[in-house]
Amino acid sequence: MFRVTSALVTLAGIFAWSINVRAGVVIETVTVGNPGNPGDTRYPSGGVPSFGGVDYVYNIGKYEVTAGQYTEFLNAVAATDTYGLYNTIMWSSNWPSKIQRSGSSGSYTYSVAPDWADRPVNYVSWGDAARFCNWLHNGQPTGSQELSTTEDGSYFLDGATSNTDLLPITRDVDATWAIPTEDEWYKAAYHYNDGVTGNYYDYPTSSDGAPSNDLVEPTDPGNNATFYDNEYTIGSPYYRTEGGAHENSDSPYGTFDQGGNVSEWNEPILYGSDRGLRGGSFHYYDYPGSLHAHFRYGSYPSGEDARVGFRVAEVPEPATLSLLAVGAILLAKRRQPSTA
């Protein structure tokens, strides 16, 4: 099994997902392997018996999408911001992304304060995140917000902005960049990365013990995250740390900040009205509970909040999955003893 799994990972690299090599915004990813792992059954919720079981290899953002990356997206597609990808409080709130818009509709430009560029973007809705994924899927084009840029690709949005219109949206079968499914997100955060097992940590810092909210320099001792626990990890004006600031507090797959900094959108519909969120944020009162694997919550998909951002997943297209399956079959046959 180890040889087959290793070969699958190798094949996944061969048929790779190379968009981020060619394009302006580079999404640094880590590979989440061990396909076919059982889900975590310790914390069933909302009729879902387990979380984290994924039967394919995929990549996921090593970091949350940053204010700098989102600014590049805005400059590419929001000269006329048809579907409200920018919120003015990204600049002016007490907990900003420090993204500023200049000019008038039709010629808007965007800039980000340098010391905010590597911190996670906030005030983004589920719909904003889906449009960012479409833009990545389409090769990061420049132009108005239409089917070839933000409105089709991994998700067929075609102008959907309301809660009613966003809730039925599903990932296209040919999607390449996407908002993580709950299982994709959960596995990257909590799975031990120890083969095709059902072993999971309680916290996305590779720990079963609650993390501290210390920002330790020059060397992070591990098991730290950015959250509020009687005091902020860092206070005004930033509140959110730069991606990977807790350099020894990553998940077993190598992701950072899946606990704290900003809560992250995922795909499922919760309570009939919300899209899923996981991971807690820099400002949430149930700490460290909201970083724990059991903590599952949601919000309206059109909502934009200071505590909410996202990371992206890079998923294999069906043709790639077919090639991986063929590779696994061929490898399995090669290992069978000869009957001659």
Protein backbone atom coordinates (compact mmCIF):
# COMPACT_ATOMS: atom_id res chain seq x y z
CA MET A 1 0.00 0.00 0.00
CA PHE A 2 2.85 2.36 0.78
CA ARG A 3 4.29 1.94 -2.70
CA VAL A 4 0.92 2.52 -4.35
CA THR A 5 0.25 5.60 -2.24
CA SER A 6 3.70 7.00 -2.94
CA ALA A 7 3.21 6.41 -6.65
CA LEU A 8 -0.10 8.23 -6.54
CA VAL A 9 1.59 11.24 -5.01
CA THR A 10 4.29 11.07 -7.69
CA LEU A 11 1.72 10.83 -10.46
CA ALA A 12 -0.14 13.76 -8.94
CA GLY A 13 3.05 15.76 -9.28
CA ILE A 14 3.57 14.66 -12.88
CA PHE A 15 0.07 15.74 -13.92
CA ALA A 16 0.44 18.83 -12.00
CA TRP A 17 -1.32 21.73 -11.33
CA SER A 18 1.02 24.38 -12.81
CA ILE A 19 -1.15 27.50 -12.93
CA ASN A 20 0.72 29.13 -10.07
CA VAL A 21 4.01 28.84 -11.99
CA ARG A 22 2.73 30.94 -14.89
CA ALA A 23 0.55 33.50 -13.13
CA GLY A 24 1.07 36.68 -11.16
CA VAL A 25 -0.41 35.58 -7.84
CA VAL A 26 1.54 32.61 -6.54
CA ILE A 27 -0.47 30.42 -4.20
CA GLU A 28 2.03 28.39 -2.25
CA THR A 29 0.50 24.98 -1.57
CA VAL A 30 1.23 21.78 0.31
CA THR A 31 0.21 18.33 -0.89
CA VAL A 32 -2.31 16.38 1.16
CA GLY A 33 -1.75 12.71 0.37
CA ASN A 34 -2.82 9.45 2.02
CA PRO A 35 -5.91 9.11 -0.20
CA GLY A 36 -8.67 6.90 1.18
CA ASN A 37 -8.07 7.75 4.84
CA PRO A 38 -11.07 7.20 7.13
CA GLY A 39 -12.82 10.28 8.49
CA ASP A 40 -12.62 11.38 12.11
CA THR A 41 -15.66 9.94 13.91
CA ARG A 42 -14.98 11.56 17.31
CA TYR A 43 -17.03 14.70 16.75
CA PRO A 44 -20.10 14.05 14.57
CA SER A 45 -22.18 17.15 13.95
CA GLY A 46 -25.37 18.13 12.17
CA GLY A 47 -26.03 14.60 10.98
CA VAL A 48 -22.51 14.25 9.53
CA PRO A 49 -20.90 11.18 11.12
CA SER A 50 -17.26 11.98 10.36
CA PHE A 51 -14.96 14.60 8.90
CA GLY A 52 -11.64 14.48 7.04
CA GLY A 53 -11.94 11.41 4.85
CA VAL A 54 -10.72 12.22 1.32
CA ASP A 55 -10.09 9.61 -1.38
CA TYR A 56 -7.80 11.64 -3.65
CA VAL A 57 -4.56 13.60 -3.47
CA TYR A 58 -4.98 17.37 -3.52
CA ASN A 59 -3.08 20.56 -2.74
CA ILE A 60 -4.19 23.22 -0.29
CA GLY A 61 -2.93 26.72 0.42
CA LYS A 62 -0.04 26.70 2.85
CA TYR A 63 -1.30 30.07 4.06
CA GLU A 64 -4.56 31.96 4.05
CA VAL A 65 -5.13 34.22 1.05
CA THR A 66 -3.43 37.50 1.88
CA ALA A 67 -4.45 41.11 1.51
CA GLY A 68 -1.69 41.51 -1.07
CA GLN A 69 -2.97 38.63 -3.20
CA TYR A 70 -6.53 39.86 -2.99
CA THR A 71 -5.38 43.34 -4.03
CA GLU A 72 -3.86 41.88 -7.20
CA PHE A 73 -7.18 40.15 -7.87
CA LEU A 74 -9.06 43.44 -7.46
CA ASN A 75 -6.71 45.27 -9.80
CA ALA A 76 -7.27 42.56 -12.41
CA VAL A 77 -11.08 42.42 -12.37
CA ALA A 78 -12.56 45.27 -10.34
CA ALA A 79 -11.93 48.46 -12.31
CA THR A 80 -15.72 48.37 -12.34
CA ASP A 81 -16.64 46.37 -9.25
CA THR A 82 -19.87 44.89 -10.57
CA TYR A 83 -20.34 42.27 -7.85
CA GLY A 84 -18.89 44.05 -4.83
CA LEU A 85 -15.57 42.28 -4.39
CA TYR A 86 -14.29 45.29 -2.46
CA ASN A 87 -15.73 46.58 0.78
CA THR A 88 -14.70 50.09 1.84
CA ILE A 89 -14.26 48.93 5.43
CA MET A 90 -11.29 46.88 4.23
CA TRP A 91 -9.54 50.24 4.55
CA SER A 92 -11.42 52.09 7.26
CA SER A 93 -12.51 49.59 9.95
CA ASN A 94 -10.85 49.00 13.31
CA TRP A 95 -9.74 45.57 12.02
CA PRO A 96 -8.83 46.37 8.40
CA SER A 97 -7.05 44.65 5.55
CA LYS A 98 -5.71 48.11 4.67
CA ILE A 99 -6.71 47.77 1.03
CA GLN A 100 -7.54 51.18 -0.42
CA ARG A 101 -9.55 51.94 -3.54
CA SER A 102 -8.82 55.01 -5.67
CA GLY A 103 -10.48 56.57 -8.70
CA SER A 104 -14.03 56.17 -9.94
CA SER A 105 -16.07 53.26 -11.26
CA GLY A 106 -14.67 52.10 -14.56
CA SER A 107 -11.14 53.06 -13.56
CA TYR A 108 -10.84 51.91 -9.94
CA THR A 109 -7.36 50.94 -8.76
CA TYR A 110 -6.39 49.27 -5.50
CA SER A 111 -3.36 49.33 -3.22
CA VAL A 112 -2.47 47.67 0.06
CA ALA A 113 -0.37 49.08 2.86
CA PRO A 114 2.97 47.20 2.76
CA ASP A 115 2.83 46.00 6.36
CA TRP A 116 -0.61 44.44 5.77
CA ALA A 117 0.17 42.72 2.45
CA ASP A 118 1.20 39.38 4.01
CA ARG A 119 -1.63 39.27 6.55
CA PRO A 120 -4.84 37.39 5.70
CA VAL A 121 -7.52 39.34 3.88
CA ASN A 122 -10.82 39.77 5.71
CA TYR A 123 -14.28 41.17 4.91
CA VAL A 124 -14.67 38.66 2.10
CA SER A 125 -17.90 36.74 1.54
CA TRP A 126 -18.21 33.13 0.39
CA GLY A 127 -19.18 34.55 -3.00
CA ASP A 128 -16.02 36.71 -3.07
CA ALA A 129 -13.92 33.63 -2.31
CA ALA A 130 -15.64 31.65 -5.08
CA ARG A 131 -14.94 34.46 -7.57
CA PHE A 132 -11.28 34.51 -6.54
CA CYS A 133 -11.16 30.74 -7.21
CA ASN A 134 -12.76 31.23 -10.63
CA TRP A 135 -10.13 33.83 -11.43
CA LEU A 136 -7.36 31.41 -10.50
CA HIS A 137 -9.05 28.64 -12.48
CA ASN A 138 -9.21 30.90 -15.55
CA GLY A 139 -5.49 31.75 -15.40
CA GLN A 140 -5.77 35.11 -13.60
CA PRO A 141 -7.13 37.14 -16.53
CA THR A 142 -7.63 40.90 -16.58
CA GLY A 143 -11.04 42.26 -17.49
CA SER A 144 -14.53 42.94 -16.28
CA GLN A 145 -16.39 40.58 -13.97
CA GLU A 146 -17.90 38.16 -16.49
CA LEU A 147 -17.96 34.46 -17.37
CA SER A 148 -14.33 34.41 -18.56
CA THR A 149 -12.94 36.01 -15.38
CA THR A 150 -14.97 35.64 -12.16
CA GLU A 151 -18.42 34.30 -13.02
CA ASP A 152 -17.59 30.83 -14.31
CA GLY A 153 -14.76 28.33 -13.95
CA SER A 154 -14.75 26.33 -10.75
CA TYR A 155 -18.20 27.73 -9.86
CA PHE A 156 -20.98 28.96 -12.15
CA LEU A 157 -21.96 32.19 -10.39
CA ASP A 158 -23.21 34.34 -13.29
CA GLY A 159 -24.00 37.32 -11.09
CA ALA A 160 -25.09 35.49 -7.93
CA THR A 161 -24.59 37.72 -4.88
CA SER A 162 -27.57 37.14 -2.58
CA ASN A 163 -27.80 34.43 0.05
CA THR A 164 -30.62 32.81 -1.90
CA ASP A 165 -28.57 32.70 -5.11
CA LEU A 166 -25.26 31.66 -3.52
CA LEU A 167 -26.55 28.73 -1.46
CA PRO A 168 -27.28 26.41 -4.44
CA ILE A 169 -23.85 26.99 -6.04
CA THR A 170 -21.75 23.82 -6.26
CA ARG A 171 -18.19 23.06 -7.36
CA ASP A 172 -17.92 22.21 -11.05
CA VAL A 173 -16.65 18.74 -11.89
CA ASP A 174 -13.79 20.33 -13.87
CA ALA A 175 -12.78 22.72 -11.09
CA THR A 176 -9.08 23.24 -10.47
CA TRP A 177 -8.98 25.92 -7.73
CA ALA A 178 -11.75 25.86 -5.16
CA ILE A 179 -12.92 26.74 -1.69
CA PRO A 180 -12.04 23.63 0.32
CA THR A 181 -14.72 21.10 1.08
CA GLU A 182 -15.12 20.57 4.79
CA ASP A 183 -13.34 17.21 4.50
CA GLU A 184 -10.45 18.73 2.52
CA TRP A 185 -10.09 21.51 5.07
CA TYR A 186 -10.39 19.20 8.09
CA LYS A 187 -7.90 16.63 6.81
CA ALA A 188 -5.26 19.27 6.09
CA ALA A 189 -5.76 20.74 9.56
CA TYR A 190 -6.04 17.72 11.86
CA HIS A 191 -5.02 14.43 10.20
CA TYR A 192 -1.76 12.92 11.51
CA ASN A 193 -0.36 12.52 7.97
CA ASP A 194 0.66 9.01 8.98
CA GLY A 195 -0.69 6.97 6.09
CA VAL A 196 -4.20 5.74 5.37
CA THR A 197 -5.29 6.00 8.99
CA GLY A 198 -8.09 7.56 11.01
CA ASN A 199 -5.73 9.37 13.37
CA TYR A 200 -6.45 13.05 14.05
CA TYR A 201 -5.19 15.78 16.36
CA ASP A 202 -7.57 18.05 18.25
CA TYR A 203 -5.82 21.24 17.14
CA PRO A 204 -4.33 22.27 13.76
CA THR A 205 -0.97 22.94 15.40
CA SER A 206 -0.11 19.20 15.44
CA SER A 207 -1.24 18.93 19.04
CA ASP A 208 -3.94 17.50 21.26
CA GLY A 209 -3.20 20.18 23.83
CA ALA A 210 -4.73 23.63 23.52
CA PRO A 211 -2.36 26.11 21.87
CA SER A 212 -1.13 29.33 23.43
CA ASN A 213 -1.60 32.69 21.73
CA ASP A 214 2.00 33.84 22.01
CA LEU A 215 4.01 35.33 19.17
CA VAL A 216 7.51 34.29 20.16
CA GLU A 217 10.57 35.73 18.44
CA PRO A 218 13.06 34.82 17.18
CA THR A 219 11.92 31.17 17.37
CA ASP A 220 8.40 29.87 17.86
CA PRO A 221 8.48 26.95 20.34
CA GLY A 222 5.42 25.36 18.69
CA ASN A 223 1.72 25.03 19.48
CA ASN A 224 0.90 28.73 19.13
CA ALA A 225 -1.81 30.50 17.16
CA THR A 226 -3.23 33.99 16.70
CA PHE A 227 -6.36 34.33 18.82
CA TYR A 228 -7.90 36.26 21.70
CA ASP A 229 -7.40 34.84 25.19
CA ASN A 230 -7.92 37.73 27.61
CA GLU A 231 -5.57 39.60 25.32
CA TYR A 232 -4.78 39.58 21.62
CA THR A 233 -1.76 37.81 20.18
CA ILE A 234 -0.98 41.19 18.64
CA GLY A 235 -3.17 44.22 19.17
CA SER A 236 -3.86 47.43 17.30
CA PRO A 237 -3.43 48.18 14.49
CA TYR A 238 -2.73 44.72 13.03
CA TYR A 239 -4.54 42.10 15.14
CA ARG A 240 -3.71 39.47 12.52
CA THR A 241 -0.22 38.04 12.18
CA GLU A 242 1.59 37.54 8.87
CA GLY A 243 1.14 34.09 7.36
CA GLY A 244 3.41 31.54 9.03
CA ALA A 245 4.49 33.85 11.85
CA HIS A 246 4.16 30.88 14.22
CA GLU A 247 6.77 29.03 12.18
CA ASN A 248 6.85 25.81 14.24
CA SER A 249 3.09 25.55 14.78
CA ASP A 250 2.06 24.12 11.44
CA SER A 251 -0.26 21.18 10.82
CA PRO A 252 1.21 17.73 10.00
CA TYR A 253 0.79 18.53 6.28
CA GLY A 254 2.55 21.89 6.66
CA THR A 255 -0.33 24.39 6.63
CA PHE A 256 -0.24 27.48 8.81
CA ASP A 257 -2.99 29.37 10.65
CA GLN A 258 -5.80 26.87 10.19
CA GLY A 259 -6.40 27.80 13.79
CA GLY A 260 -6.79 31.52 14.50
CA ASN A 261 -5.97 34.60 12.42
CA VAL A 262 -9.21 34.46 10.37
CA SER A 263 -12.01 31.92 10.23
CA GLU A 264 -12.00 30.20 6.85
CA TRP A 265 -14.84 29.51 4.45
CA ASN A 266 -15.52 25.97 3.31
CA GLU A 267 -18.13 24.57 0.95
CA PRO A 268 -20.95 22.84 2.88
CA ILE A 269 -24.36 24.29 3.63
CA LEU A 270 -25.14 24.41 7.35
CA TYR A 271 -28.49 25.00 9.03
CA GLY A 272 -30.13 25.44 5.62
CA SER A 273 -28.92 29.04 5.38
CA ASP A 274 -25.16 29.23 6.02
CA ARG A 275 -21.90 28.22 4.38
CA GLY A 276 -19.37 26.49 6.60
CA LEU A 277 -16.57 28.11 8.57
CA ARG A 278 -13.74 26.45 10.45
CA GLY A 279 -10.71 27.35 12.53
CA GLY A 280 -11.58 30.32 14.74
CA SER A 281 -10.12 33.79 14.32
CA PHE A 282 -8.02 36.49 15.96
CA HIS A 283 -11.14 37.72 17.77
CA TYR A 284 -13.61 35.14 19.03
CA TYR A 285 -14.65 34.61 22.59
CA ASP A 286 -14.77 30.79 22.72
CA TYR A 287 -11.02 30.28 22.96
CA PRO A 288 -9.28 28.03 22.47
CA GLY A 289 -12.46 26.03 21.79
CA SER A 290 -13.05 27.49 18.32
CA LEU A 291 -9.69 26.12 17.16
CA HIS A 292 -10.69 22.62 18.28
CA ALA A 293 -11.65 19.93 15.77
CA HIS A 294 -15.20 19.72 17.16
CA PHE A 295 -15.96 23.41 16.48
CA ARG A 296 -18.04 23.79 13.35
CA TYR A 297 -20.06 26.85 12.48
CA GLY A 298 -21.24 28.97 9.57
CA SER A 299 -22.45 32.31 8.27
CA TYR A 300 -24.57 33.72 5.46
CA PRO A 301 -22.64 33.27 2.18
CA SER A 302 -23.05 36.95 1.27
CA GLY A 303 -21.77 38.10 4.66
CA GLU A 304 -18.48 39.97 5.08
CA ASP A 305 -16.88 40.06 8.51
CA ALA A 306 -13.62 41.24 10.07
CA ARG A 307 -13.01 37.75 11.44
CA VAL A 308 -13.54 35.85 8.18
CA GLY A 309 -11.19 35.07 5.30
CA PHE A 310 -10.30 31.97 3.29
CA ARG A 311 -7.66 29.68 1.82
CA VAL A 312 -7.92 27.81 -1.45
CA ALA A 313 -7.54 24.20 -2.51
CA GLU A 314 -6.08 22.98 -5.78
CA VAL A 315 -7.89 19.83 -6.85
CA PRO A 316 -7.18 17.32 -9.62
CA GLU A 317 -9.46 17.36 -12.64
CA PRO A 318 -11.38 14.16 -13.47
CA ALA A 319 -8.88 13.23 -16.20
CA THR A 320 -6.08 13.39 -13.67
CA LEU A 321 -8.05 11.30 -11.20
CA SER A 322 -8.59 8.71 -13.93
CA LEU A 323 -4.88 8.58 -14.69
CA LEU A 324 -4.12 8.19 -11.00
CA ALA A 325 -6.62 5.35 -10.75
CA VAL A 326 -5.09 3.62 -13.78
CA GLY A 327 -1.65 4.06 -12.27
CA ALA A 328 -2.79 2.51 -9.01
CA ILE A 329 -4.32 -0.48 -10.86
CA LEU A 330 -1.18 -1.05 -12.91
CA LEU A 331 1.02 -0.86 -9.84
CA ALA A 332 -1.24 -3.28 -7.99
CA LYS A 333 -1.09 -5.74 -10.92
CA ARG A 334 2.69 -5.50 -11.00
CA ARG A 335 2.80 -6.54 -7.35
CA GLN A 336 0.61 -9.62 -7.85
CA PRO A 337 2.52 -12.94 -7.97
CA SER A 338 2.80 -14.57 -11.36
CA THR A 339 0.44 -17.53 -12.03
CA ALA A 340 2.54 -18.83 -14.93
